[in-house]
Amino acid sequence: MKTILCYGDSNTWGHDPRTGGRYDHKTRWPMVLKQLLNQGAPEDDPAYWIVEEGLGGRTVSRDDPVEGGRNGLEQLLPILNSHRPIDMVVFMLGTNDLKPRFNPTAWDIARSAQRMAEIIRDSRTGPGGESPKVLMICPPPTARSSALGHIFGDSNRLSAELSQWYGPMAGECGALFLDAGKIIVSSEADGIHLDPEDHRKLAAAVADLVSKNL
């Protein structure tokens, strides 16, 4: 059985943009990924084990003075060691780094994501003390909505710039790359989170990459 760690923010956790609650196990993209990868495998002996590690408000690397306890880089190594051996880490982070209180640039966010990929690669938390494979996902651009405008401001332009940096930086550190913005869109309900159909689309794209590279 191969272990895949899905590391992310509220979109990995499964935030429902219309109710504010959490999607069920059949809807969240990591759980849809588990179902797709284990098609044809015995229920009591799946080929893949999926670890959900989503946290609302998690940033790539920034200490949030408002929410606190959301720095993804600081939390990473304990989580990796908690779940080892890990065959692949799939992470999608960067949306929360767009918040105006961080005064970010797209390059800064992407470089932080690259640093995360490097830490995973060097963690030796894979089977036999080897490095886990890394899939770095650039989150989709935010959509225009007033629902969370008081938190994210006008982040549309900046969010659309992320992919031009994420891709090359993933290549530089040997990580697999997926541009989620070419597959899914942020919900019009709040401009940040994903609707159920986009959870399914994202899971399918990740499953394709996993099956080809793991």
Protein backbone atom coordinates (compact mmCIF):
# COMPACT_ATOMS: atom_id res chain seq x y z
CA MET A 1 0.00 0.00 0.00
CA LYS A 2 1.34 3.44 -0.94
CA THR A 3 0.77 6.44 1.30
CA ILE A 4 -0.05 9.87 -0.13
CA LEU A 5 -0.16 12.93 2.10
CA CYS A 6 -2.48 15.71 0.88
CA TYR A 7 -1.27 18.91 2.53
CA GLY A 8 -3.20 22.11 2.13
CA ASP A 9 -5.62 24.71 3.39
CA SER A 10 -9.41 24.90 3.62
CA ASN A 11 -9.81 23.62 0.06
CA THR A 12 -8.05 20.43 1.09
CA TRP A 13 -10.02 20.36 4.34
CA GLY A 14 -13.21 20.66 2.28
CA HIS A 15 -14.79 24.03 3.10
CA ASP A 16 -18.24 24.43 1.56
CA PRO A 17 -18.48 28.01 0.18
CA ARG A 18 -22.27 28.01 0.39
CA THR A 19 -22.84 26.70 3.91
CA GLY A 20 -19.55 27.43 5.63
CA GLY A 21 -19.47 23.81 6.77
CA ARG A 22 -17.36 20.88 5.62
CA TYR A 23 -18.06 18.66 2.64
CA ASP A 24 -18.56 14.99 3.43
CA HIS A 25 -16.08 12.20 2.72
CA LYS A 26 -17.57 11.51 -0.70
CA THR A 27 -17.04 15.09 -1.86
CA ARG A 28 -13.64 16.26 -0.61
CA TRP A 29 -10.98 15.93 -3.29
CA PRO A 30 -8.51 13.83 -1.23
CA MET A 31 -11.26 11.30 -0.53
CA VAL A 32 -12.36 11.30 -4.17
CA LEU A 33 -8.69 10.73 -5.02
CA LYS A 34 -8.65 7.72 -2.68
CA GLN A 35 -11.68 6.27 -4.42
CA LEU A 36 -10.24 6.79 -7.90
CA LEU A 37 -6.85 5.31 -7.09
CA ASN A 38 -8.33 2.26 -5.38
CA GLN A 39 -10.76 1.28 -8.12
CA GLY A 40 -10.58 -2.47 -8.52
CA ALA A 41 -8.64 -3.03 -5.30
CA PRO A 42 -10.16 -5.06 -2.44
CA GLU A 43 -11.92 -2.85 0.11
CA ASP A 44 -9.91 -4.41 2.94
CA ASP A 45 -6.61 -4.13 1.06
CA PRO A 46 -6.48 -0.80 -0.81
CA ALA A 47 -3.53 0.03 -3.04
CA TYR A 48 -3.33 3.61 -1.76
CA TRP A 49 -3.76 5.22 1.64
CA ILE A 50 -4.66 8.92 1.59
CA VAL A 51 -3.86 11.18 4.53
CA GLU A 52 -5.95 14.38 4.64
CA GLU A 53 -4.01 17.28 6.12
CA GLY A 54 -6.05 20.37 5.36
CA LEU A 55 -6.24 23.40 7.67
CA GLY A 56 -8.32 26.50 7.06
CA GLY A 57 -6.17 29.62 6.71
CA ARG A 58 -2.90 27.69 6.29
CA THR A 59 -0.27 29.71 4.46
CA VAL A 60 2.83 28.43 2.74
CA SER A 61 5.23 30.23 5.05
CA ARG A 62 3.68 33.27 6.68
CA ASP A 63 2.88 33.76 10.35
CA ASP A 64 -0.68 35.07 10.46
CA PRO A 65 -1.03 37.84 13.06
CA VAL A 66 -4.81 37.48 13.03
CA GLU A 67 -5.48 33.73 13.02
CA GLY A 68 -2.17 32.34 14.27
CA GLY A 69 -0.88 28.77 14.01
CA ARG A 70 -1.20 28.66 10.23
CA ASN A 71 2.39 28.62 8.97
CA GLY A 72 2.62 25.63 6.63
CA LEU A 73 6.42 25.42 6.61
CA GLU A 74 6.62 25.42 10.40
CA GLN A 75 4.05 22.62 10.68
CA LEU A 76 5.44 20.53 7.83
CA LEU A 77 8.22 18.40 9.35
CA PRO A 78 6.23 17.20 12.39
CA ILE A 79 3.39 16.18 10.07
CA LEU A 80 5.75 14.38 7.68
CA ASN A 81 7.34 12.46 10.53
CA SER A 82 3.95 11.65 12.02
CA HIS A 83 2.78 9.88 8.87
CA ARG A 84 5.99 8.37 7.51
CA PRO A 85 6.79 6.41 5.46
CA ILE A 86 5.17 8.59 2.79
CA ASP A 87 5.43 7.76 -0.90
CA MET A 88 4.20 11.12 -2.20
CA VAL A 89 3.26 14.51 -0.79
CA VAL A 90 0.67 16.45 -2.75
CA PHE A 91 0.37 20.05 -1.60
CA MET A 92 -1.77 22.95 -2.73
CA LEU A 93 -1.04 26.14 -0.84
CA GLY A 94 -0.69 29.84 -1.61
CA THR A 95 -4.23 31.20 -1.58
CA ASN A 96 -4.04 32.43 2.01
CA ASP A 97 -0.68 34.07 1.30
CA LEU A 98 -2.58 36.43 -1.04
CA LYS A 99 -4.13 38.31 1.88
CA PRO A 100 -3.26 42.03 1.83
CA ARG A 101 -1.95 41.91 5.40
CA PHE A 102 1.03 39.92 4.10
CA ASN A 103 1.80 42.41 1.30
CA PRO A 104 2.94 39.53 -0.94
CA THR A 105 4.28 39.23 -4.44
CA ALA A 106 3.57 36.24 -6.67
CA TRP A 107 7.29 35.41 -6.75
CA ASP A 108 7.50 35.39 -2.95
CA ILE A 109 4.59 32.96 -2.65
CA ALA A 110 5.95 30.67 -5.36
CA ARG A 111 9.45 30.68 -3.86
CA SER A 112 7.95 29.70 -0.50
CA ALA A 113 6.17 26.82 -2.21
CA GLN A 114 9.43 25.77 -3.82
CA ARG A 115 11.07 25.83 -0.39
CA MET A 116 8.31 23.54 0.87
CA ALA A 117 9.00 21.09 -1.95
CA GLU A 118 12.71 21.17 -1.09
CA ILE A 119 12.04 20.45 2.59
CA ILE A 120 9.81 17.50 1.65
CA ARG A 121 12.48 16.20 -0.71
CA ASP A 122 15.17 16.47 1.97
CA SER A 123 13.04 15.11 4.81
CA ARG A 124 13.88 11.44 4.17
CA THR A 125 10.39 10.49 5.31
CA GLY A 126 9.81 8.18 2.36
CA PRO A 127 10.07 4.38 2.39
CA GLY A 128 13.50 3.20 3.53
CA GLY A 129 14.48 6.72 4.49
CA GLU A 130 14.34 7.90 0.89
CA SER A 131 12.70 11.12 -0.28
CA PRO A 132 8.95 11.21 -0.91
CA LYS A 133 7.92 12.30 -4.36
CA VAL A 134 6.38 15.76 -4.47
CA LEU A 135 3.44 17.10 -6.44
CA MET A 136 3.25 20.89 -6.20
CA ILE A 137 -0.17 22.28 -7.13
CA CYS A 138 -0.66 25.94 -7.95
CA PRO A 139 -4.09 26.92 -6.59
CA PRO A 140 -6.64 28.33 -9.02
CA PRO A 141 -7.06 32.10 -9.26
CA THR A 142 -9.57 33.59 -6.89
CA ALA A 143 -12.94 34.71 -8.29
CA ARG A 144 -14.53 38.08 -7.81
CA SER A 145 -16.87 37.95 -4.85
CA SER A 146 -17.75 40.28 -2.00
CA ALA A 147 -18.21 37.41 0.46
CA LEU A 148 -14.56 37.31 1.58
CA GLY A 149 -13.40 40.63 0.14
CA HIS A 150 -12.80 41.99 3.63
CA ILE A 151 -10.11 39.30 4.09
CA PHE A 152 -8.64 38.83 0.61
CA GLY A 153 -9.19 42.25 -0.90
CA ASP A 154 -8.73 42.41 -4.67
CA SER A 155 -6.53 39.33 -5.01
CA ASN A 156 -7.65 38.29 -8.49
CA ARG A 157 -4.75 39.75 -10.46
CA LEU A 158 -2.12 38.55 -8.02
CA SER A 159 -3.58 35.05 -7.80
CA ALA A 160 -3.55 34.76 -11.59
CA GLU A 161 0.21 35.45 -11.58
CA LEU A 162 1.09 32.50 -9.36
CA SER A 163 1.18 29.80 -12.03
CA GLN A 164 3.84 31.54 -14.12
CA TRP A 165 6.20 31.17 -11.15
CA TYR A 166 5.03 27.88 -9.63
CA GLY A 167 5.70 25.83 -12.75
CA PRO A 168 9.35 26.81 -13.28
CA MET A 169 10.12 26.62 -9.57
CA ALA A 170 8.64 23.13 -9.35
CA GLY A 171 10.86 22.11 -12.26
CA GLU A 172 13.96 23.57 -10.61
CA CYS A 173 13.57 21.38 -7.51
CA GLY A 174 12.43 18.23 -9.29
CA ALA A 175 8.80 18.34 -8.17
CA LEU A 176 5.85 17.31 -10.28
CA PHE A 177 3.58 20.23 -11.14
CA LEU A 178 -0.11 20.78 -11.67
CA ASP A 179 -1.68 24.12 -12.56
CA ALA A 180 -5.11 23.78 -10.95
CA GLY A 181 -6.32 26.93 -12.68
CA LYS A 182 -6.34 25.04 -15.99
CA ILE A 183 -8.73 22.44 -14.55
CA ILE A 184 -10.91 24.10 -11.92
CA VAL A 185 -12.26 27.50 -10.89
CA SER A 186 -12.91 29.09 -7.52
CA SER A 187 -16.57 29.19 -6.56
CA GLU A 188 -18.56 32.31 -7.33
CA ALA A 189 -20.21 31.81 -3.93
CA ASP A 190 -17.24 33.23 -2.04
CA GLY A 191 -14.46 33.58 -4.61
CA ILE A 192 -12.03 31.32 -2.73
CA HIS A 193 -13.34 27.82 -2.14
CA LEU A 194 -14.33 25.01 -4.49
CA ASP A 195 -17.70 23.65 -5.55
CA PRO A 196 -18.23 19.86 -5.50
CA GLU A 197 -17.67 19.38 -9.23
CA ASP A 198 -14.29 21.09 -8.97
CA HIS A 199 -13.27 18.80 -6.12
CA ARG A 200 -13.98 15.89 -8.46
CA LYS A 201 -12.06 17.46 -11.36
CA LEU A 202 -9.05 18.18 -9.17
CA ALA A 203 -9.06 14.65 -7.77
CA ALA A 204 -9.15 13.18 -11.28
CA ALA A 205 -6.20 15.28 -12.41
CA VAL A 206 -4.16 14.37 -9.33
CA ALA A 207 -5.07 10.67 -9.72
CA ASP A 208 -3.78 10.75 -13.30
CA LEU A 209 -0.42 12.19 -12.22
CA VAL A 210 -0.11 9.81 -9.28
CA SER A 211 -0.82 6.73 -11.37
CA LYS A 212 1.80 7.79 -13.92
CA ASN A 213 4.52 8.71 -11.43
CA LEU A 214 4.12 6.45 -8.39
